[in-house]
């Protein structure tokens, strides 16, 4: 019960903060607007965000017009050690959007976390000048 209450509070917090800024005639900060958008994403869409975050962490800019498949393909080129996980999250994302077959949010979440792990590992090893084995 406490978990449900905490989740509802976290979902409602950015709405309340945004309304408070509007009430005082101030512009809502970008991070609150980003939080509002994040709360509207499905669990599979949140998992796919790991692809976008990884591309950003690796310094690989993506045009706004790049499709999810194009972003996943670009990350596979740059981070081949995470290929299996990228393919899983891309497949689940595609199923959620375009298929009558339901996506598996748990599988997508695990794959998304592994993508972030591989990206972080790659970044740390590169920072310390270690050879990165893919």
N, C-alpha and C. Protein backbone atom coordinates (compact mmCIF):
# COMPACT_ATOMS: atom_id res chain seq x y z
N UNK A 1 0.82 -1.19 0.00
CA UNK A 1 0.00 0.00 0.00
C UNK A 1 0.87 1.26 0.00
N UNK A 2 1.94 1.25 0.78
CA UNK A 2 2.85 2.39 0.84
C UNK A 2 3.49 2.63 -0.52
N UNK A 3 3.83 1.56 -1.22
CA UNK A 3 4.45 1.69 -2.54
C UNK A 3 3.47 2.35 -3.51
N UNK A 4 2.22 1.94 -3.48
CA UNK A 4 1.22 2.56 -4.36
C UNK A 4 1.05 4.04 -4.06
N UNK A 5 1.02 4.38 -2.80
CA UNK A 5 0.87 5.78 -2.41
C UNK A 5 2.07 6.59 -2.87
N UNK A 6 3.27 6.04 -2.70
CA UNK A 6 4.49 6.74 -3.11
C UNK A 6 4.50 6.94 -4.62
N UNK A 7 4.08 5.91 -5.36
CA UNK A 7 4.05 6.00 -6.82
C UNK A 7 3.07 7.08 -7.27
N UNK A 8 1.88 7.10 -6.67
CA UNK A 8 0.90 8.12 -7.03
C UNK A 8 1.43 9.51 -6.72
N UNK A 9 2.11 9.66 -5.58
CA UNK A 9 2.66 10.96 -5.19
C UNK A 9 3.72 11.40 -6.20
N UNK A 10 4.60 10.47 -6.60
CA UNK A 10 5.63 10.82 -7.58
C UNK A 10 5.03 11.16 -8.94
N UNK A 11 3.92 10.53 -9.29
CA UNK A 11 3.25 10.84 -10.55
C UNK A 11 2.56 12.21 -10.49
N UNK A 12 2.06 12.58 -9.33
CA UNK A 12 1.33 13.83 -9.19
C UNK A 12 2.22 15.02 -8.87
N UNK A 13 3.41 14.78 -8.35
CA UNK A 13 4.30 15.86 -7.94
C UNK A 13 4.61 16.86 -9.06
N UNK A 14 4.99 16.39 -10.26
CA UNK A 14 5.31 17.39 -11.29
C UNK A 14 4.10 18.21 -11.73
N UNK A 15 2.91 17.61 -11.66
CA UNK A 15 1.69 18.35 -12.01
C UNK A 15 1.49 19.49 -11.02
N UNK A 16 1.62 19.17 -9.73
CA UNK A 16 1.46 20.18 -8.69
C UNK A 16 2.51 21.28 -8.78
N UNK A 17 3.75 20.87 -9.04
CA UNK A 17 4.82 21.86 -9.16
C UNK A 17 4.59 22.78 -10.36
N UNK A 18 4.17 22.20 -11.46
CA UNK A 18 3.90 22.98 -12.66
C UNK A 18 2.78 24.00 -12.42
N UNK A 19 1.73 23.54 -11.77
CA UNK A 19 0.61 24.44 -11.46
C UNK A 19 1.05 25.56 -10.51
N UNK A 20 1.92 25.25 -9.57
CA UNK A 20 2.41 26.26 -8.63
C UNK A 20 3.21 27.34 -9.37
N UNK A 21 4.05 26.92 -10.30
CA UNK A 21 4.82 27.90 -11.07
C UNK A 21 3.88 28.79 -11.89
N UNK A 22 2.86 28.16 -12.51
CA UNK A 22 1.89 28.91 -13.31
C UNK A 22 1.12 29.90 -12.44
N UNK A 23 0.75 29.48 -11.24
CA UNK A 23 -0.01 30.33 -10.32
C UNK A 23 0.77 31.59 -9.98
N UNK A 24 2.09 31.47 -9.86
CA UNK A 24 2.92 32.62 -9.53
C UNK A 24 3.41 33.37 -10.76
N UNK A 25 2.94 32.95 -11.94
CA UNK A 25 3.29 33.63 -13.18
C UNK A 25 4.70 33.34 -13.66
N UNK A 26 5.29 32.28 -13.14
CA UNK A 26 6.64 31.92 -13.54
C UNK A 26 6.59 30.80 -14.57
N UNK A 27 7.63 30.70 -15.34
CA UNK A 27 7.72 29.64 -16.34
C UNK A 27 8.14 28.34 -15.66
N UNK A 28 7.48 27.26 -16.01
CA UNK A 28 7.81 25.95 -15.45
C UNK A 28 9.20 25.53 -15.94
N UNK A 29 10.10 25.12 -15.04
CA UNK A 29 11.43 24.69 -15.46
C UNK A 29 11.37 23.48 -16.40
N UNK A 30 12.36 23.39 -17.24
CA UNK A 30 12.43 22.31 -18.23
C UNK A 30 12.42 20.94 -17.55
N UNK A 31 13.10 20.81 -16.42
CA UNK A 31 13.19 19.50 -15.77
C UNK A 31 11.82 19.03 -15.26
N UNK A 32 10.96 19.97 -14.89
CA UNK A 32 9.61 19.57 -14.46
C UNK A 32 8.79 19.14 -15.67
N UNK A 33 8.92 19.87 -16.78
CA UNK A 33 8.23 19.46 -18.01
C UNK A 33 8.71 18.09 -18.48
N UNK A 34 10.00 17.84 -18.36
CA UNK A 34 10.54 16.52 -18.74
C UNK A 34 9.97 15.43 -17.84
N UNK A 35 9.82 15.73 -16.56
CA UNK A 35 9.24 14.79 -15.60
C UNK A 35 7.78 14.49 -15.97
N UNK A 36 7.04 15.53 -16.37
CA UNK A 36 5.65 15.34 -16.80
C UNK A 36 5.58 14.40 -18.00
N UNK A 37 6.45 14.62 -18.97
CA UNK A 37 6.48 13.77 -20.16
C UNK A 37 6.86 12.34 -19.79
N UNK A 38 7.87 12.19 -18.93
CA UNK A 38 8.32 10.86 -18.49
C UNK A 38 7.17 10.08 -17.86
N UNK A 39 6.37 10.75 -17.05
CA UNK A 39 5.26 10.08 -16.37
C UNK A 39 4.18 9.60 -17.34
N UNK A 40 4.13 10.17 -18.52
CA UNK A 40 3.11 9.78 -19.50
C UNK A 40 3.58 8.63 -20.38
N UNK A 41 4.86 8.26 -20.31
CA UNK A 41 5.38 7.16 -21.13
C UNK A 41 4.93 5.81 -20.56
N UNK A 42 4.78 4.85 -21.45
CA UNK A 42 4.50 3.48 -21.01
C UNK A 42 5.80 2.87 -20.49
N UNK A 43 5.73 1.78 -19.73
CA UNK A 43 6.95 1.14 -19.25
C UNK A 43 7.91 0.73 -20.39
N UNK A 44 7.38 0.28 -21.51
CA UNK A 44 8.24 -0.12 -22.63
C UNK A 44 8.90 1.11 -23.25
N UNK A 45 8.17 2.21 -23.36
CA UNK A 45 8.77 3.44 -23.88
C UNK A 45 9.87 3.94 -22.95
N UNK A 46 9.66 3.81 -21.66
CA UNK A 46 10.70 4.20 -20.69
C UNK A 46 11.94 3.33 -20.86
N UNK A 47 11.73 2.06 -21.11
CA UNK A 47 12.87 1.16 -21.32
C UNK A 47 13.63 1.53 -22.59
N UNK A 48 12.91 1.88 -23.64
CA UNK A 48 13.58 2.27 -24.89
C UNK A 48 14.38 3.56 -24.70
N UNK A 49 14.01 4.36 -23.74
CA UNK A 49 14.75 5.60 -23.47
C UNK A 49 16.21 5.31 -23.17
N UNK A 50 16.53 4.09 -22.73
CA UNK A 50 17.93 3.73 -22.48
C UNK A 50 18.76 3.83 -23.75
N UNK A 51 18.16 3.59 -24.90
CA UNK A 51 18.87 3.73 -26.18
C UNK A 51 19.21 5.20 -26.40
N UNK A 52 18.24 6.08 -26.20
CA UNK A 52 18.48 7.51 -26.39
C UNK A 52 19.49 8.06 -25.39
N UNK A 53 19.38 7.64 -24.14
CA UNK A 53 20.32 8.08 -23.11
C UNK A 53 21.73 7.61 -23.44
N UNK A 54 21.86 6.37 -23.87
CA UNK A 54 23.17 5.82 -24.21
C UNK A 54 23.80 6.58 -25.37
N UNK A 55 23.01 6.87 -26.38
CA UNK A 55 23.53 7.64 -27.51
C UNK A 55 24.03 9.01 -27.04
N UNK A 56 23.27 9.63 -26.15
CA UNK A 56 23.68 10.94 -25.62
C UNK A 56 24.96 10.82 -24.80
N UNK A 57 25.05 9.81 -23.92
CA UNK A 57 26.25 9.61 -23.11
C UNK A 57 27.48 9.34 -23.97
N UNK A 58 27.28 8.68 -25.09
CA UNK A 58 28.40 8.37 -25.99
C UNK A 58 28.72 9.52 -26.92
N UNK A 59 27.97 10.61 -26.83
CA UNK A 59 28.23 11.78 -27.65
C UNK A 59 27.83 11.60 -29.11
N UNK A 60 26.80 10.82 -29.34
CA UNK A 60 26.34 10.55 -30.70
C UNK A 60 25.00 11.27 -30.89
N UNK A 61 25.04 12.47 -31.46
CA UNK A 61 23.79 13.22 -31.63
C UNK A 61 22.87 12.54 -32.64
N UNK A 62 21.60 12.61 -32.36
CA UNK A 62 20.60 12.01 -33.25
C UNK A 62 19.64 13.10 -33.71
N UNK A 63 19.34 13.10 -35.00
CA UNK A 63 18.34 14.08 -35.46
C UNK A 63 16.97 13.74 -34.89
N UNK A 64 16.15 14.73 -34.72
CA UNK A 64 14.81 14.53 -34.18
C UNK A 64 14.03 13.57 -35.06
N UNK A 65 14.34 13.55 -36.35
CA UNK A 65 13.61 12.71 -37.29
C UNK A 65 14.04 11.24 -37.29
N UNK A 66 15.08 10.91 -36.52
CA UNK A 66 15.56 9.51 -36.49
C UNK A 66 14.51 8.62 -35.84
N UNK A 67 14.21 7.51 -36.49
CA UNK A 67 13.23 6.57 -35.95
C UNK A 67 13.85 5.76 -34.83
N UNK A 68 13.02 5.06 -34.09
CA UNK A 68 13.51 4.19 -33.02
C UNK A 68 14.44 3.12 -33.58
N UNK A 69 14.08 2.56 -34.72
CA UNK A 69 14.91 1.53 -35.35
C UNK A 69 16.26 2.09 -35.76
N UNK A 70 16.28 3.30 -36.29
CA UNK A 70 17.54 3.94 -36.69
C UNK A 70 18.42 4.22 -35.47
N UNK A 71 17.81 4.66 -34.39
CA UNK A 71 18.57 4.92 -33.17
C UNK A 71 19.16 3.63 -32.61
N UNK A 72 18.36 2.57 -32.60
CA UNK A 72 18.85 1.28 -32.12
C UNK A 72 19.99 0.78 -32.99
N UNK A 73 19.86 0.90 -34.31
CA UNK A 73 20.92 0.46 -35.23
C UNK A 73 22.21 1.24 -35.01
N UNK A 74 22.08 2.54 -34.77
CA UNK A 74 23.26 3.37 -34.52
C UNK A 74 23.95 2.95 -33.22
N UNK A 75 23.17 2.66 -32.20
CA UNK A 75 23.77 2.24 -30.93
C UNK A 75 24.43 0.87 -31.06
N UNK A 76 23.85 -0.01 -31.84
CA UNK A 76 24.47 -1.33 -32.06
C UNK A 76 25.84 -1.15 -32.73
N UNK A 77 25.94 -0.22 -33.68
CA UNK A 77 27.22 0.03 -34.35
C UNK A 77 28.27 0.52 -33.36
N UNK A 78 27.85 1.37 -32.43
CA UNK A 78 28.79 1.99 -31.50
C UNK A 78 29.04 1.16 -30.24
N UNK A 79 28.10 0.28 -29.90
CA UNK A 79 28.19 -0.49 -28.67
C UNK A 79 27.80 -1.94 -28.94
N UNK A 80 28.61 -2.65 -29.74
CA UNK A 80 28.23 -4.01 -30.13
C UNK A 80 28.10 -4.99 -28.96
N UNK A 81 28.73 -4.69 -27.83
CA UNK A 81 28.63 -5.61 -26.68
C UNK A 81 27.20 -5.67 -26.13
N UNK A 82 26.40 -4.68 -26.45
CA UNK A 82 25.02 -4.63 -25.95
C UNK A 82 24.00 -4.98 -27.03
N UNK A 83 24.46 -5.56 -28.13
CA UNK A 83 23.57 -5.84 -29.27
C UNK A 83 22.33 -6.62 -28.87
N UNK A 84 22.49 -7.69 -28.13
CA UNK A 84 21.34 -8.53 -27.76
C UNK A 84 20.31 -7.73 -26.97
N UNK A 85 20.77 -6.89 -26.06
CA UNK A 85 19.86 -6.11 -25.22
C UNK A 85 19.17 -5.00 -26.04
N UNK A 86 19.93 -4.39 -26.94
CA UNK A 86 19.35 -3.35 -27.79
C UNK A 86 18.26 -3.95 -28.68
N UNK A 87 18.54 -5.14 -29.22
CA UNK A 87 17.55 -5.81 -30.07
C UNK A 87 16.30 -6.17 -29.28
N UNK A 88 16.47 -6.59 -28.01
CA UNK A 88 15.31 -6.93 -27.18
C UNK A 88 14.45 -5.69 -26.93
N UNK A 89 15.08 -4.61 -26.50
CA UNK A 89 14.29 -3.41 -26.16
C UNK A 89 13.65 -2.83 -27.42
N UNK A 90 14.35 -2.89 -28.55
CA UNK A 90 13.78 -2.39 -29.81
C UNK A 90 12.59 -3.26 -30.25
N UNK A 91 12.74 -4.56 -30.10
CA UNK A 91 11.67 -5.47 -30.47
C UNK A 91 10.43 -5.28 -29.60
N UNK A 92 10.62 -5.15 -28.30
CA UNK A 92 9.49 -4.93 -27.39
C UNK A 92 8.82 -3.58 -27.67
N UNK A 93 9.64 -2.58 -27.96
CA UNK A 93 9.11 -1.26 -28.29
C UNK A 93 8.27 -1.32 -29.56
N UNK A 94 8.79 -2.02 -30.55
CA UNK A 94 8.07 -2.17 -31.81
C UNK A 94 6.77 -2.95 -31.61
N UNK A 95 6.82 -3.99 -30.79
CA UNK A 95 5.60 -4.76 -30.49
C UNK A 95 4.55 -3.89 -29.81
N UNK A 96 5.00 -3.07 -28.88
CA UNK A 96 4.07 -2.21 -28.16
C UNK A 96 3.39 -1.21 -29.08
N UNK A 97 4.13 -0.72 -30.07
CA UNK A 97 3.59 0.31 -30.95
C UNK A 97 2.80 -0.22 -32.14
N UNK A 98 3.30 -1.32 -32.73
CA UNK A 98 2.77 -1.71 -34.03
C UNK A 98 2.16 -3.11 -34.12
N UNK A 99 2.08 -3.82 -33.02
CA UNK A 99 1.64 -5.20 -33.09
C UNK A 99 0.45 -5.44 -32.17
N UNK A 100 -0.31 -6.45 -32.52
CA UNK A 100 -1.40 -6.85 -31.61
C UNK A 100 -0.85 -7.75 -30.51
N UNK A 101 0.39 -8.25 -30.70
CA UNK A 101 1.07 -9.05 -29.69
C UNK A 101 1.54 -8.12 -28.58
N UNK A 102 1.14 -8.37 -27.33
CA UNK A 102 1.53 -7.46 -26.24
C UNK A 102 3.04 -7.52 -25.97
N UNK A 103 3.58 -6.37 -25.66
CA UNK A 103 5.00 -6.28 -25.31
C UNK A 103 5.20 -6.79 -23.88
N UNK A 104 6.43 -7.18 -23.58
CA UNK A 104 6.78 -7.66 -22.25
C UNK A 104 7.58 -6.56 -21.54
N UNK A 105 6.92 -5.76 -20.68
CA UNK A 105 7.62 -4.65 -20.03
C UNK A 105 8.76 -5.09 -19.12
N UNK A 106 8.64 -6.24 -18.49
CA UNK A 106 9.71 -6.73 -17.62
C UNK A 106 10.96 -7.05 -18.43
N UNK A 107 10.77 -7.73 -19.54
CA UNK A 107 11.89 -8.06 -20.43
C UNK A 107 12.53 -6.78 -20.98
N UNK A 108 11.71 -5.83 -21.35
CA UNK A 108 12.21 -4.56 -21.88
C UNK A 108 12.98 -3.79 -20.80
N UNK A 109 12.46 -3.79 -19.57
CA UNK A 109 13.14 -3.07 -18.47
C UNK A 109 14.51 -3.66 -18.19
N UNK A 110 14.58 -5.00 -18.13
CA UNK A 110 15.86 -5.65 -17.89
C UNK A 110 16.86 -5.33 -18.99
N UNK A 111 16.40 -5.39 -20.23
CA UNK A 111 17.27 -5.09 -21.37
C UNK A 111 17.73 -3.63 -21.32
N UNK A 112 16.81 -2.73 -20.98
CA UNK A 112 17.16 -1.31 -20.88
C UNK A 112 18.22 -1.05 -19.82
N UNK A 113 18.09 -1.72 -18.69
CA UNK A 113 19.09 -1.56 -17.63
C UNK A 113 20.45 -2.10 -18.07
N UNK A 114 20.45 -3.21 -18.80
CA UNK A 114 21.70 -3.78 -19.29
C UNK A 114 22.35 -2.86 -20.34
N UNK A 115 21.55 -2.20 -21.14
CA UNK A 115 22.10 -1.25 -22.11
C UNK A 115 22.82 -0.13 -21.37
N UNK A 116 22.18 0.40 -20.32
CA UNK A 116 22.81 1.46 -19.54
C UNK A 116 24.08 0.97 -18.87
N UNK A 117 24.07 -0.26 -18.37
CA UNK A 117 25.26 -0.84 -17.75
C UNK A 117 26.40 -0.92 -18.76
N UNK A 118 26.13 -1.43 -19.95
CA UNK A 118 27.17 -1.55 -20.98
C UNK A 118 27.70 -0.17 -21.40
N UNK A 119 26.80 0.79 -21.50
CA UNK A 119 27.21 2.15 -21.87
C UNK A 119 28.09 2.76 -20.79
N UNK A 120 27.70 2.60 -19.55
CA UNK A 120 28.48 3.14 -18.44
C UNK A 120 29.85 2.47 -18.37
N UNK A 121 29.88 1.17 -18.53
CA UNK A 121 31.14 0.42 -18.52
C UNK A 121 32.06 0.91 -19.64
N UNK A 122 31.51 1.04 -20.85
CA UNK A 122 32.28 1.52 -22.00
C UNK A 122 32.85 2.91 -21.72
N UNK A 123 32.01 3.79 -21.18
CA UNK A 123 32.42 5.17 -20.90
C UNK A 123 33.52 5.23 -19.85
N UNK A 124 33.38 4.45 -18.79
CA UNK A 124 34.39 4.45 -17.72
C UNK A 124 35.72 3.90 -18.23
N UNK A 125 35.67 2.78 -18.93
CA UNK A 125 36.91 2.20 -19.46
C UNK A 125 37.59 3.14 -20.44
N UNK A 126 36.82 3.79 -21.27
CA UNK A 126 37.38 4.74 -22.24
C UNK A 126 38.01 5.92 -21.51
N UNK A 127 37.34 6.39 -20.44
CA UNK A 127 37.84 7.53 -19.66
C UNK A 127 39.22 7.21 -19.06
N UNK A 128 39.38 5.99 -18.56
CA UNK A 128 40.64 5.60 -17.95
C UNK A 128 41.65 5.08 -18.95
N UNK A 129 41.32 5.17 -20.23
CA UNK A 129 42.27 4.79 -21.27
C UNK A 129 42.46 3.30 -21.41
N UNK A 130 41.56 2.53 -20.89
CA UNK A 130 41.65 1.09 -21.02
C UNK A 130 41.08 0.66 -22.35
N UNK A 131 41.61 -0.42 -22.88
CA UNK A 131 41.07 -0.95 -24.13
C UNK A 131 39.68 -1.52 -23.84
N UNK A 132 38.74 -1.12 -24.66
CA UNK A 132 37.37 -1.57 -24.49
C UNK A 132 37.14 -2.74 -25.41
N UNK A 133 36.89 -3.90 -24.82
CA UNK A 133 36.59 -5.11 -25.62
C UNK A 133 35.10 -5.20 -25.80
N UNK A 134 34.71 -5.31 -27.03
CA UNK A 134 33.28 -5.42 -27.34
C UNK A 134 32.97 -6.88 -27.41
